[in-house]
PDB file of N, CA and C in Angstrom:
ATOM      1  N   MET A   1      17.499   0.160  25.854  1.00  0.00           N
ATOM      2  CA  MET A   1      16.520  -0.099  24.922  1.00  0.00           C
ATOM      3  C   MET A   1      16.564  -0.847  23.728  1.00  0.00           C
ATOM      4  N   GLY A   2      18.306  -0.792  23.786  1.00  0.00           N
ATOM      5  CA  GLY A   2      18.033  -2.044  22.830  1.00  0.00           C
ATOM      6  C   GLY A   2      18.439  -3.764  23.544  1.00  0.00           C
ATOM      7  N   SER A   3      18.400  -3.901  24.548  1.00  0.00           N
ATOM      8  CA  SER A   3      18.337  -4.993  25.262  1.00  0.00           C
ATOM      9  C   SER A   3      16.826  -5.216  25.420  1.00  0.00           C
ATOM     10  N   HIS A   4      15.838  -3.844  25.297  1.00  0.00           N
ATOM     11  CA  HIS A   4      14.737  -4.523  25.374  1.00  0.00           C
ATOM     12  C   HIS A   4      14.212  -5.070  23.796  1.00  0.00           C
ATOM     13  N   ALA A   5      14.923  -4.258  22.751  1.00  0.00           N
ATOM     14  CA  ALA A   5      14.515  -4.916  21.602  1.00  0.00           C
ATOM     15  C   ALA A   5      14.667  -6.182  21.356  1.00  0.00           C
ATOM     16  N   ALA A   6      16.112  -6.567  21.887  1.00  0.00           N
ATOM     17  CA  ALA A   6      16.491  -8.283  21.596  1.00  0.00           C
ATOM     18  C   ALA A   6      15.440  -8.941  22.338  1.00  0.00           C
ATOM     19  N   ALA A   7      14.887  -8.378  23.570  1.00  0.00           N
ATOM     20  CA  ALA A   7      14.067  -9.368  24.245  1.00  0.00           C
ATOM     21  C   ALA A   7      12.751  -9.567  23.501  1.00  0.00           C
ATOM     22  N   SER A   8      12.673  -8.520  22.594  1.00  0.00           N
ATOM     23  CA  SER A   8      11.142  -8.445  21.897  1.00  0.00           C
ATOM     24  C   SER A   8      11.204  -9.103  20.809  1.00  0.00           C
ATOM     25  N   ILE A   9      12.497  -9.630  20.402  1.00  0.00           N
ATOM     26  CA  ILE A   9      12.465 -10.434  18.758  1.00  0.00           C
ATOM     27  C   ILE A   9      12.489 -11.655  19.684  1.00  0.00           C
ATOM     28  N   ILE A  10      13.319 -11.665  20.578  1.00  0.00           N
ATOM     29  CA  ILE A  10      13.117 -13.450  21.376  1.00  0.00           C
ATOM     30  C   ILE A  10      11.691 -13.680  21.609  1.00  0.00           C
ATOM     31  N   SER A  11      11.267 -12.869  22.246  1.00  0.00           N
ATOM     32  CA  SER A  11       9.863 -13.178  22.942  1.00  0.00           C
ATOM     33  C   SER A  11       8.918 -13.617  21.323  1.00  0.00           C
ATOM     34  N   GLU A  12       9.028 -13.094  20.112  1.00  0.00           N
ATOM     35  CA  GLU A  12       8.170 -13.063  18.897  1.00  0.00           C
ATOM     36  C   GLU A  12       8.680 -14.253  18.683  1.00  0.00           C
ATOM     37  N   PHE A  13       9.687 -14.673  18.370  1.00  0.00           N
ATOM     38  CA  PHE A  13      10.299 -15.618  18.065  1.00  0.00           C
ATOM     39  C   PHE A  13       9.913 -17.409  18.430  1.00  0.00           C
ATOM     40  N   ARG A  14       9.750 -16.875  19.799  1.00  0.00           N
ATOM     41  CA  ARG A  14       9.112 -18.128  20.537  1.00  0.00           C
ATOM     42  C   ARG A  14       7.848 -18.185  20.849  1.00  0.00           C
ATOM     43  N   GLY A  15       6.988 -17.182  20.021  1.00  0.00           N
ATOM     44  CA  GLY A  15       5.284 -17.125  19.957  1.00  0.00           C
ATOM     45  C   GLY A  15       4.587 -16.391  21.095  1.00  0.00           C
ATOM     46  N   ARG A  16       5.679 -15.656  21.972  1.00  0.00           N
ATOM     47  CA  ARG A  16       5.189 -15.137  22.823  1.00  0.00           C
ATOM     48  C   ARG A  16       4.855 -13.599  22.756  1.00  0.00           C
ATOM     49  N   GLU A  17       4.259 -13.011  23.425  1.00  0.00           N
ATOM     50  CA  GLU A  17       3.689 -11.192  23.136  1.00  0.00           C
ATOM     51  C   GLU A  17       4.962 -10.855  24.240  1.00  0.00           C
ATOM     52  N   PRO A  18       5.316  -9.719  23.180  1.00  0.00           N
ATOM     53  CA  PRO A  18       6.400  -8.896  24.001  1.00  0.00           C
ATOM     54  C   PRO A  18       5.775  -8.095  25.301  1.00  0.00           C
ATOM     55  N   ARG A  19       7.019  -8.005  26.161  1.00  0.00           N
ATOM     56  CA  ARG A  19       6.442  -6.916  27.484  1.00  0.00           C
ATOM     57  C   ARG A  19       6.567  -5.311  26.553  1.00  0.00           C
ATOM     58  N   THR A  20       5.654  -4.708  27.547  1.00  0.00           N
ATOM     59  CA  THR A  20       5.339  -3.278  26.606  1.00  0.00           C
ATOM     60  C   THR A  20       6.906  -2.427  27.396  1.00  0.00           C
ATOM     61  N   PHE A  21       7.125  -1.440  26.618  1.00  0.00           N
ATOM     62  CA  PHE A  21       8.384  -0.343  26.805  1.00  0.00           C
ATOM     63  C   PHE A  21       7.731   0.815  27.356  1.00  0.00           C
ATOM     64  N   ASP A  22       8.145   0.793  28.679  1.00  0.00           N
ATOM     65  CA  ASP A  22       7.835   2.201  29.545  1.00  0.00           C
ATOM     66  C   ASP A  22       8.924   2.999  29.747  1.00  0.00           C
ATOM     67  N   TYR A  23       8.972   4.472  29.337  1.00  0.00           N
ATOM     68  CA  TYR A  23      10.148   5.069  29.369  1.00  0.00           C
ATOM     69  C   TYR A  23       9.808   6.416  29.799  1.00  0.00           C
ATOM     70  N   GLY A  24      10.131   6.864  30.824  1.00  0.00           N
ATOM     71  CA  GLY A  24      10.184   8.316  31.063  1.00  0.00           C
ATOM     72  C   GLY A  24      11.704   9.239  31.597  1.00  0.00           C
ATOM     73  N   PHE A  25      11.613  10.445  31.119  1.00  0.00           N
ATOM     74  CA  PHE A  25      12.374  11.199  31.513  1.00  0.00           C
ATOM     75  C   PHE A  25      12.815  11.919  33.493  1.00  0.00           C
ATOM     76  N   LEU A  26      13.759  12.037  33.613  1.00  0.00           N
ATOM     77  CA  LEU A  26      14.095  12.374  34.779  1.00  0.00           C
ATOM     78  C   LEU A  26      14.706  13.749  34.378  1.00  0.00           C
ATOM     79  N   THR A  27      15.688  14.165  33.392  1.00  0.00           N
ATOM     80  CA  THR A  27      16.054  15.214  33.395  1.00  0.00           C
ATOM     81  C   THR A  27      16.497  15.483  31.718  1.00  0.00           C
ATOM     82  N   GLN A  28      17.030  16.565  31.575  1.00  0.00           N
ATOM     83  CA  GLN A  28      17.637  16.617  30.301  1.00  0.00           C
ATOM     84  C   GLN A  28      19.348  17.652  30.832  1.00  0.00           C
ATOM     85  N   CYS A  29      19.972  17.110  29.663  1.00  0.00           N
ATOM     86  CA  CYS A  29      21.459  17.703  30.543  1.00  0.00           C
ATOM     87  C   CYS A  29      22.127  18.691  29.478  1.00  0.00           C
ATOM     88  N   VAL A  30      22.687  19.939  29.433  1.00  0.00           N
ATOM     89  CA  VAL A  30      23.686  20.200  28.415  1.00  0.00           C
ATOM     90  C   VAL A  30      24.724  20.513  29.354  1.00  0.00           C
ATOM     91  N   SER A  31      25.995  19.660  28.644  1.00  0.00           N
ATOM     92  CA  SER A  31      27.295  20.358  28.892  1.00  0.00           C
ATOM     93  C   SER A  31      27.823  21.584  27.839  1.00  0.00           C
ATOM     94  N   LEU A  32      28.310  22.310  28.949  1.00  0.00           N
ATOM     95  CA  LEU A  32      29.037  23.589  28.145  1.00  0.00           C
ATOM     96  C   LEU A  32      30.514  23.888  28.689  1.00  0.00           C
ATOM     97  N   GLY A  33      31.251  22.523  28.521  1.00  0.00           N
ATOM     98  CA  GLY A  33      32.489  22.681  28.759  1.00  0.00           C
ATOM     99  C   GLY A  33      32.994  22.025  29.823  1.00  0.00           C
ATOM    100  N   ARG A  34      33.657  22.113  30.438  1.00  0.00           N
ATOM    101  CA  ARG A  34      34.348  20.917  31.529  1.00  0.00           C
ATOM    102  C   ARG A  34      33.600  21.630  33.103  1.00  0.00           C
ATOM    103  N   ARG A  35      33.845  23.126  32.950  1.00  0.00           N
ATOM    104  CA  ARG A  35      32.930  23.719  34.224  1.00  0.00           C
ATOM    105  C   ARG A  35      31.857  24.360  34.245  1.00  0.00           C
ATOM    106  N   GLU A  36      31.173  24.029  32.949  1.00  0.00           N
ATOM    107  CA  GLU A  36      29.579  25.119  33.047  1.00  0.00           C
ATOM    108  C   GLU A  36      28.369  23.619  32.252  1.00  0.00           C
ATOM    109  N   GLY A  37      27.247  23.784  33.019  1.00  0.00           N
ATOM    110  CA  GLY A  37      26.711  22.965  32.575  1.00  0.00           C
ATOM    111  C   GLY A  37      24.828  23.411  32.607  1.00  0.00           C
ATOM    112  N   LEU A  38      23.736  22.839  32.169  1.00  0.00           N
ATOM    113  CA  LEU A  38      22.552  23.265  32.775  1.00  0.00           C
ATOM    114  C   LEU A  38      22.007  21.625  32.988  1.00  0.00           C
ATOM    115  N   VAL A  39      21.362  21.772  33.940  1.00  0.00           N
ATOM    116  CA  VAL A  39      20.809  20.335  34.214  1.00  0.00           C
ATOM    117  C   VAL A  39      19.052  20.869  34.388  1.00  0.00           C
ATOM    118  N   GLN A  40      17.934  20.659  33.542  1.00  0.00           N
ATOM    119  CA  GLN A  40      16.426  20.614  33.780  1.00  0.00           C
ATOM    120  C   GLN A  40      15.900  19.712  34.174  1.00  0.00           C
ATOM    121  N   PHE A  41      15.343  20.044  35.631  1.00  0.00           N
ATOM    122  CA  PHE A  41      14.659  18.805  35.868  1.00  0.00           C
ATOM    123  C   PHE A  41      13.236  18.547  34.928  1.00  0.00           C
ATOM    124  N   VAL A  42      12.790  17.269  34.409  1.00  0.00           N
ATOM    125  CA  VAL A  42      11.359  17.335  33.962  1.00  0.00           C
ATOM    126  C   VAL A  42      10.482  16.230  33.821  1.00  0.00           C
ATOM    127  N   ARG A  43       9.184  16.453  33.803  1.00  0.00           N
ATOM    128  CA  ARG A  43       8.467  15.408  34.018  1.00  0.00           C
ATOM    129  C   ARG A  43       8.698  14.041  33.165  1.00  0.00           C
ATOM    130  N   ALA A  44       7.880  12.961  33.151  1.00  0.00           N
ATOM    131  CA  ALA A  44       8.246  11.618  32.829  1.00  0.00           C
ATOM    132  C   ALA A  44       7.930  12.118  31.138  1.00  0.00           C
ATOM    133  N   ASP A  45       6.945  12.877  30.793  1.00  0.00           N
ATOM    134  CA  ASP A  45       6.793  13.173  29.392  1.00  0.00           C
ATOM    135  C   ASP A  45       7.425  14.399  28.830  1.00  0.00           C
ATOM    136  N   ASP A  46       8.744  14.536  29.535  1.00  0.00           N
ATOM    137  CA  ASP A  46       9.865  15.350  29.102  1.00  0.00           C
ATOM    138  C   ASP A  46       9.538  16.946  29.149  1.00  0.00           C
ATOM    139  N   SER A  47       8.380  17.207  29.700  1.00  0.00           N
ATOM    140  CA  SER A  47       8.072  18.530  30.109  1.00  0.00           C
ATOM    141  C   SER A  47       8.452  19.016  31.473  1.00  0.00           C
ATOM    142  N   PRO A  48       9.336  20.400  31.323  1.00  0.00           N
ATOM    143  CA  PRO A  48      10.328  21.219  32.306  1.00  0.00           C
ATOM    144  C   PRO A  48       9.559  21.508  33.281  1.00  0.00           C
ATOM    145  N   ARG A  49      10.015  21.226  34.656  1.00  0.00           N
ATOM    146  CA  ARG A  49       9.678  21.537  35.769  1.00  0.00           C
ATOM    147  C   ARG A  49      10.486  22.863  36.437  1.00  0.00           C
ATOM    148  N   ASP A  50       9.996  23.093  37.289  1.00  0.00           N
ATOM    149  CA  ASP A  50      10.446  24.918  37.856  1.00  0.00           C
ATOM    150  C   ASP A  50      11.578  24.273  38.367  1.00  0.00           C
ATOM    151  N   ARG A  51      12.378  23.492  38.439  1.00  0.00           N
ATOM    152  CA  ARG A  51      14.086  22.947  38.968  1.00  0.00           C
ATOM    153  C   ARG A  51      14.904  22.837  37.509  1.00  0.00           C
ATOM    154  N   PHE A  52      16.040  23.427  38.625  1.00  0.00           N
ATOM    155  CA  PHE A  52      17.097  23.265  37.444  1.00  0.00           C
ATOM    156  C   PHE A  52      18.354  23.560  38.048  1.00  0.00           C
ATOM    157  N   LEU A  53      19.835  23.118  37.793  1.00  0.00           N
ATOM    158  CA  LEU A  53      21.038  23.401  37.658  1.00  0.00           C
ATOM    159  C   LEU A  53      21.801  24.045  36.663  1.00  0.00           C
ATOM    160  N   THR A  54      22.478  24.815  37.574  1.00  0.00           N
ATOM    161  CA  THR A  54      23.573  25.407  36.006  1.00  0.00           C
ATOM    162  C   THR A  54      24.828  25.428  36.778  1.00  0.00           C
ATOM    163  N   GLY A  55      26.024  25.780  36.011  1.00  0.00           N
ATOM    164  CA  GLY A  55      27.262  26.086  36.335  1.00  0.00           C
ATOM    165  C   GLY A  55      27.854  25.115  37.041  1.00  0.00           C
ATOM    166  N   ARG A  56      28.691  24.899  37.646  1.00  0.00           N
ATOM    167  CA  ARG A  56      30.207  23.468  38.040  1.00  0.00           C
ATOM    168  C   ARG A  56      29.058  22.389  38.724  1.00  0.00           C
ATOM    169  N   PRO A  57      27.913  23.047  39.729  1.00  0.00           N
ATOM    170  CA  PRO A  57      27.197  21.666  39.773  1.00  0.00           C
ATOM    171  C   PRO A  57      26.658  21.021  38.335  1.00  0.00           C
ATOM    172  N   ALA A  58      25.823  21.461  37.871  1.00  0.00           N
ATOM    173  CA  ALA A  58      25.327  20.811  36.701  1.00  0.00           C
ATOM    174  C   ALA A  58      26.258  20.384  35.542  1.00  0.00           C
ATOM    175  N   ALA A  59      27.431  20.697  35.700  1.00  0.00           N
ATOM    176  CA  ALA A  59      28.687  19.806  35.057  1.00  0.00           C
ATOM    177  C   ALA A  59      29.016  18.765  35.764  1.00  0.00           C
ATOM    178  N   ARG A  60      29.122  18.808  37.343  1.00  0.00           N
ATOM    179  CA  ARG A  60      29.230  17.644  37.607  1.00  0.00           C
ATOM    180  C   ARG A  60      28.147  16.505  37.514  1.00  0.00           C
ATOM    181  N   VAL A  61      26.898  16.874  37.559  1.00  0.00           N
ATOM    182  CA  VAL A  61      25.832  15.701  37.493  1.00  0.00           C
ATOM    183  C   VAL A  61      25.968  15.363  35.962  1.00  0.00           C
ATOM    184  N   LYS A  62      26.533  15.971  35.143  1.00  0.00           N
ATOM    185  CA  LYS A  62      26.530  15.699  33.343  1.00  0.00           C
ATOM    186  C   LYS A  62      27.806  14.725  33.702  1.00  0.00           C
ATOM    187  N   GLU A  63      28.478  14.978  33.980  1.00  0.00           N
ATOM    188  CA  GLU A  63      29.662  13.996  33.987  1.00  0.00           C
ATOM    189  C   GLU A  63      29.639  12.767  34.787  1.00  0.00           C
ATOM    190  N   GLN A  64      28.514  12.649  35.871  1.00  0.00           N
ATOM    191  CA  GLN A  64      27.865  11.271  36.227  1.00  0.00           C
ATOM    192  C   GLN A  64      27.099  10.838  35.543  1.00  0.00           C
ATOM    193  N   VAL A  65      26.575  11.415  34.583  1.00  0.00           N
ATOM    194  CA  VAL A  65      25.626  11.069  33.811  1.00  0.00           C
ATOM    195  C   VAL A  65      26.240   9.923  32.951  1.00  0.00           C
ATOM    196  N   VAL A  66      27.259  10.513  32.044  1.00  0.00           N
ATOM    197  CA  VAL A  66      27.949   9.795  31.344  1.00  0.00           C
ATOM    198  C   VAL A  66      29.038   8.882  32.070  1.00  0.00           C
ATOM    199  N   ARG A  67      29.066   8.805  32.998  1.00  0.00           N
ATOM    200  CA  ARG A  67      30.243   7.992  33.714  1.00  0.00           C
ATOM    201  C   ARG A  67      29.350   6.747  34.411  1.00  0.00           C
ATOM    202  N   SER A  68      28.365   6.747  34.571  1.00  0.00           N
ATOM    203  CA  SER A  68      27.610   5.636  34.817  1.00  0.00           C
ATOM    204  C   SER A  68      27.191   5.044  33.785  1.00  0.00           C
ATOM    205  N   THR A  69      26.903   5.506  32.593  1.00  0.00           N
ATOM    206  CA  THR A  69      26.802   5.387  31.202  1.00  0.00           C
ATOM    207  C   THR A  69      27.319   3.921  30.838  1.00  0.00           C
ATOM    208  N   VAL A  70      28.501   4.948  30.917  1.00  0.00           N
ATOM    209  CA  VAL A  70      29.868   3.914  30.212  1.00  0.00           C
ATOM    210  C   VAL A  70      30.078   2.813  31.333  1.00  0.00           C
ATOM    211  N   GLY A  71      29.782   2.886  32.727  1.00  0.00           N
ATOM    212  CA  GLY A  71      30.219   1.845  33.501  1.00  0.00           C
ATOM    213  C   GLY A  71      28.911   0.672  33.614  1.00  0.00           C
ATOM    214  N   LEU A  72      27.610   1.242  33.151  1.00  0.00           N
ATOM    215  CA  LEU A  72      26.805  -0.237  33.201  1.00  0.00           C
ATOM    216  C   LEU A  72      27.364  -0.671  31.763  1.00  0.00           C
ATOM    217  N   LEU A  73      27.499   0.139  30.888  1.00  0.00           N
ATOM    218  CA  LEU A  73      27.864  -1.109  29.649  1.00  0.00           C
ATOM    219  C   LEU A  73      28.615  -2.082  29.308  1.00  0.00           C
ATOM    220  N   ARG A  74      29.751  -1.164  30.333  1.00  0.00           N
ATOM    221  CA  ARG A  74      30.904  -2.105  30.812  1.00  0.00           C
ATOM    222  C   ARG A  74      30.603  -3.247  31.007  1.00  0.00           C
ATOM    223  N   ILE A  75      29.751  -3.291  32.474  1.00  0.00           N
ATOM    224  CA  ILE A  75      28.934  -4.185  33.411  1.00  0.00           C
ATOM    225  C   ILE A  75      28.195  -5.161  32.252  1.00  0.00           C
ATOM    226  N   ALA A  76      27.416  -4.853  31.615  1.00  0.00           N
ATOM    227  CA  ALA A  76      26.514  -5.345  30.677  1.00  0.00           C
ATOM    228  C   ALA A  76      27.201  -6.373  29.606  1.00  0.00           C
ATOM    229  N   ALA A  77      28.520  -6.012  29.075  1.00  0.00           N
ATOM    230  CA  ALA A  77      29.352  -6.719  27.974  1.00  0.00           C
ATOM    231  C   ALA A  77      30.349  -8.043  28.925  1.00  0.00           C
ATOM    232  N   ARG A  78      30.833  -7.427  30.045  1.00  0.00           N
ATOM    233  CA  ARG A  78      30.948  -8.797  30.593  1.00  0.00           C
ATOM    234  C   ARG A  78      29.923  -9.886  31.451  1.00  0.00           C
ATOM    235  N   ARG A  79      28.860  -9.172  31.736  1.00  0.00           N
ATOM    236  CA  ARG A  79      27.397 -10.029  32.650  1.00  0.00           C
ATOM    237  C   ARG A  79      26.225  -9.611  32.048  1.00  0.00           C
ATOM    238  N   PRO A  80      25.865 -10.143  31.083  1.00  0.00           N
ATOM    239  CA  PRO A  80      24.756  -9.427  30.246  1.00  0.00           C
ATOM    240  C   PRO A  80      23.325 -10.179  31.256  1.00  0.00           C
ATOM    241  N   TRP A  81      23.455 -11.050  31.942  1.00  0.00           N
ATOM    242  CA  TRP A  81      22.483 -11.310  32.766  1.00  0.00           C
ATOM    243  C   TRP A  81      22.248 -10.805  33.849  1.00  0.00           C
ATOM    244  N   VAL A  82      23.058  -9.213  33.953  1.00  0.00           N
ATOM    245  CA  VAL A  82      22.723  -8.508  35.036  1.00  0.00           C
ATOM    246  C   VAL A  82      21.723  -7.415  34.431  1.00  0.00           C
ATOM    247  N   ILE A  83      22.003  -7.340  33.231  1.00  0.00           N
ATOM    248  CA  ILE A  83      20.667  -6.133  32.785  1.00  0.00           C
ATOM    249  C   ILE A  83      19.295  -6.149  33.187  1.00  0.00           C
ATOM    250  N   PRO A  84      18.730  -7.308  33.113  1.00  0.00           N
ATOM    251  CA  PRO A  84      17.038  -7.559  33.709  1.00  0.00           C
ATOM    252  C   PRO A  84      17.055  -6.726  35.073  1.00  0.00           C
ATOM    253  N   LEU A  85      18.262  -7.310  35.863  1.00  0.00           N
ATOM    254  CA  LEU A  85      18.056  -6.994  37.441  1.00  0.00           C
ATOM    255  C   LEU A  85      18.556  -5.490  37.797  1.00  0.00           C
ATOM    256  N   THR A  86      18.856  -4.595  36.600  1.00  0.00           N
ATOM    257  CA  THR A  86      19.061  -3.307  36.741  1.00  0.00           C
ATOM    258  C   THR A  86      17.617  -2.750  36.904  1.00  0.00           C
ATOM    259  N   PRO A  87      17.179  -1.531  37.778  1.00  0.00           N
ATOM    260  CA  PRO A  87      16.091  -0.682  38.090  1.00  0.00           C
ATOM    261  C   PRO A  87      16.047  -0.141  36.395  1.00  0.00           C
ATOM    262  N   GLY A  88      14.860  -0.026  35.298  1.00  0.00           N
ATOM    263  CA  GLY A  88      14.769   0.665  34.254  1.00  0.00           C
ATOM    264  C   GLY A  88      15.373   0.058  33.036  1.00  0.00           C
ATOM    265  N   MET A  89      16.042  -1.445  33.259  1.00  0.00           N
ATOM    266  CA  MET A  89      16.989  -1.858  32.193  1.00  0.00           C
ATOM    267  C   MET A  89      16.444  -2.811  31.533  1.00  0.00           C
ATOM    268  N   SER A  90      14.963  -3.156  32.479  1.00  0.00           N
ATOM    269  CA  SER A  90      14.529  -5.007  31.687  1.00  0.00           C
ATOM    270  C   SER A  90      14.069  -4.953  30.400  1.00  0.00           C
TER     271      SER A  90
END
């Protein structure tokens, strides 16, 4: 969202119309320690689906979400031009 906000400010400063921001959810994750968790699959509007994960598999998914977020932030800090090329980050 931050990169979209920055791009919107730059667009307005240059007299252009900012692009719309579309955001949708895939899951909601809750960490319950290292060995337990809950991952609820949801629709784009955040309404729940019938599918979910619990226990150790859910904790692994949650950990992967955190690691991938941190990894993407590290890449963006070194190579900001990559952000528009990343799906969902334009």
